[in-house]
Amino acid sequence: MPAAKYDGAVPYCQVDLPMLSVFACATELLRSLFDVLYDEEVIAEETFRRWQGSSDPAEQAGKGVAVHSVQQFFTWLDGSPAS
């Protein structure tokens, strides 16, 4: 019986840890960036809300992941006295 050839596919049980690490860092970085931009009054709450609610097709690529990444930020804004 001939030996099986490796076809380059990643077995289901393996996780791409470097890629997962980059995603986790990017997610945390985006959340931290939103916090700083809001806290330092660089971007107003109204602008964050317009971005969150925008349905402009030109802004949709990757937005779902970004919105998910900053969901805690918007949850915090919902409860902040300034909202």
Protein backbone atom coordinates (compact mmCIF):
# COMPACT_ATOMS: atom_id res chain seq x y z
CA MET A 1 0.00 0.00 0.00
CA PRO A 2 1.50 3.36 -1.02
CA ALA A 3 2.03 6.04 1.64
CA ALA A 4 -0.56 8.82 1.73
CA LYS A 5 0.64 12.09 0.29
CA TYR A 6 0.28 15.33 2.24
CA ASP A 7 -2.05 17.63 0.31
CA GLY A 8 -1.38 20.79 2.33
CA ALA A 9 -4.76 20.80 4.05
CA VAL A 10 -4.75 21.65 7.73
CA PRO A 11 -6.36 18.86 9.75
CA TYR A 12 -9.53 19.90 11.58
CA CYS A 13 -7.97 19.43 14.99
CA GLN A 14 -5.16 21.92 14.37
CA VAL A 15 -5.56 25.59 15.18
CA ASP A 16 -3.58 28.33 13.51
CA LEU A 17 -2.34 29.89 16.76
CA PRO A 18 -0.40 32.75 15.16
CA MET A 19 -3.47 33.80 13.17
CA LEU A 20 -5.70 33.45 16.23
CA SER A 21 -3.24 35.59 18.22
CA VAL A 22 -3.24 38.32 15.57
CA PHE A 23 -7.04 38.36 15.51
CA ALA A 24 -7.22 38.58 19.32
CA CYS A 25 -4.71 41.44 19.40
CA ALA A 26 -6.49 43.31 16.61
CA THR A 27 -9.81 42.91 18.41
CA GLU A 28 -8.41 44.25 21.67
CA LEU A 29 -6.54 47.02 19.86
CA LEU A 30 -9.71 48.26 18.16
CA ARG A 31 -11.60 48.29 21.46
CA SER A 32 -8.75 50.19 23.16
CA LEU A 33 -8.60 52.65 20.28
CA PHE A 34 -12.33 53.38 20.57
CA ASP A 35 -11.94 53.90 24.33
CA VAL A 36 -9.07 56.37 23.92
CA LEU A 37 -10.68 58.28 21.06
CA TYR A 38 -13.85 58.68 23.12
CA ASP A 39 -12.14 59.43 26.46
CA GLU A 40 -9.86 62.07 24.91
CA GLU A 41 -12.86 63.62 23.11
CA VAL A 42 -11.30 63.08 19.69
CA ILE A 43 -14.46 61.42 18.37
CA ALA A 44 -17.89 62.27 19.73
CA GLU A 45 -20.42 59.65 20.79
CA GLU A 46 -22.72 60.74 17.96
CA THR A 47 -20.01 59.89 15.41
CA PHE A 48 -19.45 56.44 16.91
CA ARG A 49 -23.20 55.85 16.79
CA ARG A 50 -23.43 56.96 13.14
CA TRP A 51 -20.62 54.54 12.24
CA GLN A 52 -22.29 51.73 14.17
CA GLY A 53 -25.63 52.26 12.43
CA SER A 54 -24.32 53.03 8.96
CA SER A 55 -25.48 50.73 6.19
CA ASP A 56 -23.37 52.32 3.45
CA PRO A 57 -22.24 49.43 1.20
CA ALA A 58 -18.80 51.02 0.83
CA GLU A 59 -18.26 50.65 4.60
CA GLN A 60 -19.45 47.06 5.03
CA ALA A 61 -16.31 45.05 4.20
CA GLY A 62 -15.06 43.76 7.56
CA LYS A 63 -17.46 45.94 9.52
CA GLY A 64 -19.31 43.00 11.09
CA VAL A 65 -16.14 41.80 12.78
CA ALA A 66 -15.25 45.33 13.85
CA VAL A 67 -18.71 45.99 15.34
CA HIS A 68 -18.54 42.69 17.19
CA SER A 69 -15.08 43.63 18.51
CA VAL A 70 -16.33 46.88 20.00
CA GLN A 71 -19.71 45.66 21.25
CA GLN A 72 -18.60 46.15 24.88
CA PHE A 73 -17.72 49.75 24.07
CA PHE A 74 -21.24 50.42 22.77
CA THR A 75 -22.78 48.55 25.70
CA TRP A 76 -20.78 50.80 28.01
CA LEU A 77 -21.93 53.89 26.08
CA ASP A 78 -25.54 52.75 26.46
CA GLY A 79 -25.12 52.87 30.22
CA SER A 80 -22.97 55.99 30.48
CA PRO A 81 -24.57 59.18 31.87
CA ALA A 82 -23.53 61.13 28.75
CA SER A 83 -25.74 59.00 26.43
